[in-house]
Amino acid sequence: MFLYFYFYFKLYTNIHFQADKIHEQQEFEHLKSKHIGLGNSDTSRDEWIRNIHRDTYSSLAGHSPSVDYISTALNKPKVQVKADLIEKMIQPVEPRGKS
């Protein structure tokens, strides 16, 4: 009787463990499709840095309080700061080893 419950418990937990792994994989794939900057195993370091660079400047340019803060700190008009952030966002990042 004990062995029956033992094997049933092992089978039951194994099925749920596999279901959890599949669910986690599906959730990860969904997040990867939603947030392209996450990359994958083939993403190079330079490509990942470019994604972070663009995402950061895009976020700063898209949030008005951040633009206000930066424009105050740099003593520049908000429109010019936003244009500068967008310009920096589209500029390429130099790969490693090049100066």
Protein backbone atom coordinates (compact mmCIF):
# COMPACT_ATOMS: atom_id res chain seq x y z
CA MET A 1 0.00 0.00 0.00
CA PHE A 2 2.80 2.39 0.90
CA LEU A 3 4.52 1.80 -2.44
CA TYR A 4 1.31 2.58 -4.29
CA PHE A 5 1.04 5.99 -2.63
CA TYR A 6 4.76 6.60 -3.07
CA PHE A 7 4.65 5.98 -6.82
CA TYR A 8 1.40 7.91 -7.18
CA PHE A 9 2.98 10.88 -5.39
CA LYS A 10 6.10 10.69 -7.58
CA LEU A 11 4.02 10.51 -10.75
CA TYR A 12 1.74 13.33 -9.61
CA THR A 13 4.59 15.66 -8.66
CA ASN A 14 6.50 14.83 -11.85
CA ILE A 15 3.48 15.72 -14.01
CA HIS A 16 3.06 19.05 -12.22
CA PHE A 17 6.79 19.74 -12.41
CA GLN A 18 6.73 19.20 -16.17
CA ALA A 19 3.64 21.41 -16.49
CA ASP A 20 5.38 24.15 -14.48
CA LYS A 21 8.45 23.94 -16.72
CA ILE A 22 6.31 24.19 -19.85
CA HIS A 23 4.38 27.13 -18.39
CA GLU A 24 7.61 28.93 -17.43
CA GLN A 25 9.02 28.37 -20.92
CA GLN A 26 5.83 29.72 -22.53
CA GLU A 27 5.88 32.75 -20.24
CA PHE A 28 9.55 33.39 -21.07
CA GLU A 29 8.82 33.15 -24.81
CA HIS A 30 5.95 35.61 -24.37
CA LEU A 31 8.21 38.07 -22.53
CA LYS A 32 10.91 37.69 -25.18
CA SER A 33 8.44 38.53 -27.92
CA LYS A 34 7.12 41.48 -25.92
CA HIS A 35 10.54 42.85 -24.90
CA ILE A 36 12.91 42.39 -27.82
CA GLY A 37 15.83 43.86 -25.89
CA LEU A 38 16.04 40.71 -23.77
CA GLY A 39 17.81 38.93 -26.60
CA ASN A 40 18.53 35.24 -26.74
CA SER A 41 21.51 32.90 -26.57
CA ASP A 42 22.76 34.16 -29.95
CA THR A 43 22.72 37.83 -28.92
CA SER A 44 26.23 39.28 -28.83
CA ARG A 45 27.45 41.55 -26.08
CA ASP A 46 27.61 44.53 -28.45
CA GLU A 47 24.08 43.95 -29.69
CA TRP A 48 22.80 43.72 -26.12
CA ILE A 49 24.58 46.99 -25.22
CA ARG A 50 23.02 48.67 -28.27
CA ASN A 51 19.57 47.52 -27.14
CA ILE A 52 20.11 48.86 -23.61
CA HIS A 53 21.47 52.13 -25.04
CA ARG A 54 18.43 52.64 -27.25
CA ASP A 55 15.92 51.57 -24.61
CA THR A 56 17.41 53.96 -22.04
CA TYR A 57 17.35 57.01 -24.30
CA SER A 58 13.91 56.08 -25.58
CA SER A 59 12.59 55.85 -22.03
CA LEU A 60 14.17 59.15 -21.04
CA ALA A 61 12.77 60.93 -24.11
CA GLY A 62 9.33 59.41 -23.58
CA HIS A 63 8.89 60.43 -19.95
CA SER A 64 8.20 64.13 -19.50
CA PRO A 65 9.47 64.35 -15.89
CA SER A 66 12.82 62.92 -17.00
CA VAL A 67 13.05 65.47 -19.79
CA ASP A 68 12.18 68.24 -17.29
CA TYR A 69 14.89 67.07 -14.90
CA ILE A 70 17.57 66.80 -17.59
CA SER A 71 16.65 70.16 -19.13
CA THR A 72 16.88 71.82 -15.72
CA ALA A 73 20.22 70.18 -14.97
CA LEU A 74 21.69 71.12 -18.37
CA ASN A 75 19.97 74.54 -18.49
CA LYS A 76 18.61 73.82 -21.97
CA PRO A 77 15.08 74.02 -23.40
CA LYS A 78 12.97 70.89 -23.08
CA VAL A 79 12.51 70.61 -26.84
CA GLN A 80 16.27 70.64 -27.42
CA VAL A 81 16.89 68.05 -24.68
CA LYS A 82 14.23 65.75 -26.13
CA ALA A 83 15.70 66.14 -29.63
CA ASP A 84 19.20 65.41 -28.27
CA LEU A 85 17.94 62.26 -26.51
CA ILE A 86 16.26 61.04 -29.69
CA GLU A 87 19.42 61.79 -31.67
CA LYS A 88 21.53 59.83 -29.16
CA MET A 89 19.01 57.00 -29.33
CA ILE A 90 19.50 56.49 -33.06
CA GLN A 91 23.27 56.97 -33.05
CA PRO A 92 25.16 53.69 -33.23
CA VAL A 93 27.20 52.53 -30.28
CA GLU A 94 30.83 51.87 -31.09
CA PRO A 95 31.80 48.22 -30.75
CA ARG A 96 34.33 47.16 -28.13
CA GLY A 97 37.98 47.73 -28.88
CA LYS A 98 37.45 50.71 -31.18
CA SER A 99 38.19 54.21 -29.96
